[in-house]
């Protein structure tokens, strides 16, 4: 882990007027979410700051799942990217840019979360399902 007093890179400027802003983050953990809470902290060199990562588990019902296929077309290699950006149109008529296509399938899942659900049983701590049966 890096030292907290490492120098950070700031924008080049001769005269700057800076305001001090108060930053605050708050969240509530109660019941089972507090029992399953894990906290990680590390120094982020890109942001020049300390990062706290809080993780917990919340009972949730899988409501809806959608799958989409996304297709992206891009120049095939650095030479075709160069031609696409810099070569005049009259040369491209004889030597056209070759493109590659990449398809990805993405799945989105919507959940109903129940953060105030009674305490989760120990066998459910690793992400297993909680089954609720209503008997009349």
C-alpha atoms as a PDB file:
ATOM      1  CA  UNK A   1       0.000   0.000   0.000  1.00  0.00           C
ATOM      2  CA  UNK A   2       1.341   3.442  -0.912  1.00  0.00           C
ATOM      3  CA  UNK A   3       1.875   6.261   1.524  1.00  0.00           C
ATOM      4  CA  UNK A   4      -0.944   8.774   1.843  1.00  0.00           C
ATOM      5  CA  UNK A   5       1.357  11.786   1.453  1.00  0.00           C
ATOM      6  CA  UNK A   6       2.453  10.887  -2.095  1.00  0.00           C
ATOM      7  CA  UNK A   7       2.546  13.877  -4.441  1.00  0.00           C
ATOM      8  CA  UNK A   8      -0.371  14.152  -6.841  1.00  0.00           C
ATOM      9  CA  UNK A   9      -0.308  15.669 -10.298  1.00  0.00           C
ATOM     10  CA  UNK A  10      -2.385  18.862 -10.554  1.00  0.00           C
ATOM     11  CA  UNK A  11      -3.359  20.860 -13.674  1.00  0.00           C
ATOM     12  CA  UNK A  12      -0.788  23.376 -14.891  1.00  0.00           C
ATOM     13  CA  UNK A  13      -1.846  26.876 -13.957  1.00  0.00           C
ATOM     14  CA  UNK A  14      -0.163  29.953 -12.539  1.00  0.00           C
ATOM     15  CA  UNK A  15      -3.195  31.347 -10.715  1.00  0.00           C
ATOM     16  CA  UNK A  16      -5.895  29.170  -9.233  1.00  0.00           C
ATOM     17  CA  UNK A  17      -8.644  29.937  -6.759  1.00  0.00           C
ATOM     18  CA  UNK A  18      -9.756  26.837  -4.934  1.00  0.00           C
ATOM     19  CA  UNK A  19     -12.836  26.334  -2.801  1.00  0.00           C
ATOM     20  CA  UNK A  20     -12.952  23.748  -0.042  1.00  0.00           C
ATOM     21  CA  UNK A  21     -15.899  21.427  -0.476  1.00  0.00           C
ATOM     22  CA  UNK A  22     -17.135  19.109   2.243  1.00  0.00           C
ATOM     23  CA  UNK A  23     -17.532  15.542   0.984  1.00  0.00           C
ATOM     24  CA  UNK A  24     -19.639  13.071   2.868  1.00  0.00           C
ATOM     25  CA  UNK A  25     -20.960   9.610   2.173  1.00  0.00           C
ATOM     26  CA  UNK A  26     -23.490   7.833   4.339  1.00  0.00           C
ATOM     27  CA  UNK A  27     -25.391   4.603   4.157  1.00  0.00           C
ATOM     28  CA  UNK A  28     -27.360   2.490   6.606  1.00  0.00           C
ATOM     29  CA  UNK A  29     -26.547  -1.133   7.337  1.00  0.00           C
ATOM     30  CA  UNK A  30     -28.933  -2.958   9.631  1.00  0.00           C
ATOM     31  CA  UNK A  31     -30.017  -6.494  10.457  1.00  0.00           C
ATOM     32  CA  UNK A  32     -28.474  -9.181   8.293  1.00  0.00           C
ATOM     33  CA  UNK A  33     -26.733  -6.674   5.997  1.00  0.00           C
ATOM     34  CA  UNK A  34     -24.692  -5.499   8.992  1.00  0.00           C
ATOM     35  CA  UNK A  35     -23.864  -9.095   9.918  1.00  0.00           C
ATOM     36  CA  UNK A  36     -22.555  -9.801   6.372  1.00  0.00           C
ATOM     37  CA  UNK A  37     -20.677  -6.517   5.993  1.00  0.00           C
ATOM     38  CA  UNK A  38     -17.079  -6.574   4.739  1.00  0.00           C
ATOM     39  CA  UNK A  39     -14.882  -3.496   4.378  1.00  0.00           C
ATOM     40  CA  UNK A  40     -11.837  -3.154   2.123  1.00  0.00           C
ATOM     41  CA  UNK A  41      -9.625  -0.111   1.859  1.00  0.00           C
ATOM     42  CA  UNK A  42      -6.814   0.708  -0.544  1.00  0.00           C
ATOM     43  CA  UNK A  43      -4.951   3.674  -1.973  1.00  0.00           C
ATOM     44  CA  UNK A  44      -5.949   4.596  -5.541  1.00  0.00           C
ATOM     45  CA  UNK A  45      -2.998   6.134  -7.388  1.00  0.00           C
ATOM     46  CA  UNK A  46      -5.149   7.448 -10.232  1.00  0.00           C
ATOM     47  CA  UNK A  47      -7.461   9.393  -7.901  1.00  0.00           C
ATOM     48  CA  UNK A  48      -4.677  10.114  -5.383  1.00  0.00           C
ATOM     49  CA  UNK A  49      -6.844   9.044  -2.501  1.00  0.00           C
ATOM     50  CA  UNK A  50      -7.966   6.356  -0.120  1.00  0.00           C
ATOM     51  CA  UNK A  51     -10.880   4.160  -1.266  1.00  0.00           C
ATOM     52  CA  UNK A  52     -13.217   2.332   1.116  1.00  0.00           C
ATOM     53  CA  UNK A  53     -15.247  -0.485  -0.399  1.00  0.00           C
ATOM     54  CA  UNK A  54     -18.241  -1.744   1.600  1.00  0.00           C
ATOM     55  CA  UNK A  55     -19.890  -5.039   0.633  1.00  0.00           C
ATOM     56  CA  UNK A  56     -22.888  -6.872   2.018  1.00  0.00           C
ATOM     57  CA  UNK A  57     -25.618  -9.242   0.904  1.00  0.00           C
ATOM     58  CA  UNK A  58     -29.308  -8.387   0.551  1.00  0.00           C
ATOM     59  CA  UNK A  59     -32.159 -10.831  -0.115  1.00  0.00           C
ATOM     60  CA  UNK A  60     -33.549 -10.184  -3.595  1.00  0.00           C
ATOM     61  CA  UNK A  61     -36.146 -11.616  -5.953  1.00  0.00           C
ATOM     62  CA  UNK A  62     -35.203 -12.029  -9.613  1.00  0.00           C
ATOM     63  CA  UNK A  63     -38.035 -10.178 -11.385  1.00  0.00           C
ATOM     64  CA  UNK A  64     -36.957  -9.745 -14.991  1.00  0.00           C
ATOM     65  CA  UNK A  65     -34.084 -10.718 -17.232  1.00  0.00           C
ATOM     66  CA  UNK A  66     -33.343  -9.190 -20.634  1.00  0.00           C
ATOM     67  CA  UNK A  67     -30.662 -10.283 -23.072  1.00  0.00           C
ATOM     68  CA  UNK A  68     -29.408  -7.978 -25.820  1.00  0.00           C
ATOM     69  CA  UNK A  69     -26.839  -8.565 -28.547  1.00  0.00           C
ATOM     70  CA  UNK A  70     -24.652  -5.558 -29.302  1.00  0.00           C
ATOM     71  CA  UNK A  71     -22.566  -5.299 -32.462  1.00  0.00           C
ATOM     72  CA  UNK A  72     -19.594  -2.942 -32.853  1.00  0.00           C
ATOM     73  CA  UNK A  73     -17.769  -2.297 -36.128  1.00  0.00           C
ATOM     74  CA  UNK A  74     -14.194  -0.976 -36.028  1.00  0.00           C
ATOM     75  CA  UNK A  75     -11.173  -0.740 -38.385  1.00  0.00           C
ATOM     76  CA  UNK A  76      -9.339  -4.064 -38.581  1.00  0.00           C
ATOM     77  CA  UNK A  77      -5.851  -3.282 -37.257  1.00  0.00           C
ATOM     78  CA  UNK A  78      -3.715  -0.181 -36.869  1.00  0.00           C
ATOM     79  CA  UNK A  79      -3.176   0.333 -40.636  1.00  0.00           C
ATOM     80  CA  UNK A  80      -6.897   0.382 -41.393  1.00  0.00           C
ATOM     81  CA  UNK A  81      -7.467   2.731 -38.432  1.00  0.00           C
ATOM     82  CA  UNK A  82      -4.812   5.049 -39.871  1.00  0.00           C
ATOM     83  CA  UNK A  83      -6.418   4.925 -43.328  1.00  0.00           C
ATOM     84  CA  UNK A  84      -9.853   5.570 -41.837  1.00  0.00           C
ATOM     85  CA  UNK A  85      -8.626   8.663 -40.005  1.00  0.00           C
ATOM     86  CA  UNK A  86      -6.017  10.254 -42.297  1.00  0.00           C
ATOM     87  CA  UNK A  87      -6.056   8.933 -45.884  1.00  0.00           C
ATOM     88  CA  UNK A  88      -7.890  11.039 -48.514  1.00  0.00           C
ATOM     89  CA  UNK A  89     -11.136   9.744 -50.005  1.00  0.00           C
ATOM     90  CA  UNK A  90      -9.734   9.382 -53.537  1.00  0.00           C
ATOM     91  CA  UNK A  91      -7.104   6.864 -52.303  1.00  0.00           C
ATOM     92  CA  UNK A  92      -9.708   4.974 -50.291  1.00  0.00           C
ATOM     93  CA  UNK A  93     -11.674   4.272 -53.485  1.00  0.00           C
ATOM     94  CA  UNK A  94      -8.847   1.940 -54.613  1.00  0.00           C
ATOM     95  CA  UNK A  95      -7.747   0.814 -51.131  1.00  0.00           C
ATOM     96  CA  UNK A  96     -10.833   0.769 -48.892  1.00  0.00           C
ATOM     97  CA  UNK A  97     -10.698   0.450 -45.130  1.00  0.00           C
ATOM     98  CA  UNK A  98     -11.341  -3.082 -43.893  1.00  0.00           C
ATOM     99  CA  UNK A  99     -13.581  -3.362 -40.864  1.00  0.00           C
ATOM    100  CA  UNK A 100     -13.982  -6.065 -38.235  1.00  0.00           C
ATOM    101  CA  UNK A 101     -17.164  -6.695 -36.276  1.00  0.00           C
ATOM    102  CA  UNK A 102     -17.459  -7.856 -32.692  1.00  0.00           C
ATOM    103  CA  UNK A 103     -20.718  -9.107 -31.220  1.00  0.00           C
ATOM    104  CA  UNK A 104     -21.352  -9.373 -27.497  1.00  0.00           C
ATOM    105  CA  UNK A 105     -24.384 -10.645 -25.663  1.00  0.00           C
ATOM    106  CA  UNK A 106     -25.266  -8.714 -22.515  1.00  0.00           C
ATOM    107  CA  UNK A 107     -27.794  -9.805 -19.916  1.00  0.00           C
ATOM    108  CA  UNK A 108     -29.527  -7.301 -17.635  1.00  0.00           C
ATOM    109  CA  UNK A 109     -31.284  -8.554 -14.514  1.00  0.00           C
ATOM    110  CA  UNK A 110     -33.823  -6.597 -12.460  1.00  0.00           C
ATOM    111  CA  UNK A 111     -34.321  -7.455  -8.807  1.00  0.00           C
ATOM    112  CA  UNK A 112     -36.742  -6.554  -6.036  1.00  0.00           C
ATOM    113  CA  UNK A 113     -34.511  -6.140  -2.991  1.00  0.00           C
ATOM    114  CA  UNK A 114     -35.660  -6.704   0.586  1.00  0.00           C
ATOM    115  CA  UNK A 115     -33.061  -5.038   2.846  1.00  0.00           C
ATOM    116  CA  UNK A 116     -35.357  -5.189   5.909  1.00  0.00           C
ATOM    117  CA  UNK A 117     -35.989  -8.926   5.550  1.00  0.00           C
ATOM    118  CA  UNK A 118     -35.421 -10.771   8.852  1.00  0.00           C
ATOM    119  CA  UNK A 119     -31.917 -12.040   9.503  1.00  0.00           C
ATOM    120  CA  UNK A 120     -30.496 -14.322   6.849  1.00  0.00           C
ATOM    121  CA  UNK A 121     -29.730 -17.836   8.010  1.00  0.00           C
ATOM    122  CA  UNK A 122     -26.037 -18.841   8.080  1.00  0.00           C
ATOM    123  CA  UNK A 123     -26.456 -21.335   5.208  1.00  0.00           C
ATOM    124  CA  UNK A 124     -27.497 -18.392   2.970  1.00  0.00           C
ATOM    125  CA  UNK A 125     -24.331 -16.333   3.534  1.00  0.00           C
ATOM    126  CA  UNK A 126     -22.648 -17.509   0.327  1.00  0.00           C
ATOM    127  CA  UNK A 127     -25.378 -16.271  -1.996  1.00  0.00           C
ATOM    128  CA  UNK A 128     -27.674 -19.290  -1.829  1.00  0.00           C
ATOM    129  CA  UNK A 129     -31.380 -18.843  -2.302  1.00  0.00           C
ATOM    130  CA  UNK A 130     -33.899 -18.187   0.439  1.00  0.00           C
ATOM    131  CA  UNK A 131     -37.154 -20.022  -0.254  1.00  0.00           C
ATOM    132  CA  UNK A 132     -40.347 -18.570   1.168  1.00  0.00           C
ATOM    133  CA  UNK A 133     -43.494 -20.707   1.081  1.00  0.00           C
ATOM    134  CA  UNK A 134     -46.895 -19.335   2.020  1.00  0.00           C
ATOM    135  CA  UNK A 135     -49.141 -22.002   3.497  1.00  0.00           C
ATOM    136  CA  UNK A 136     -52.874 -21.298   3.748  1.00  0.00           C
END
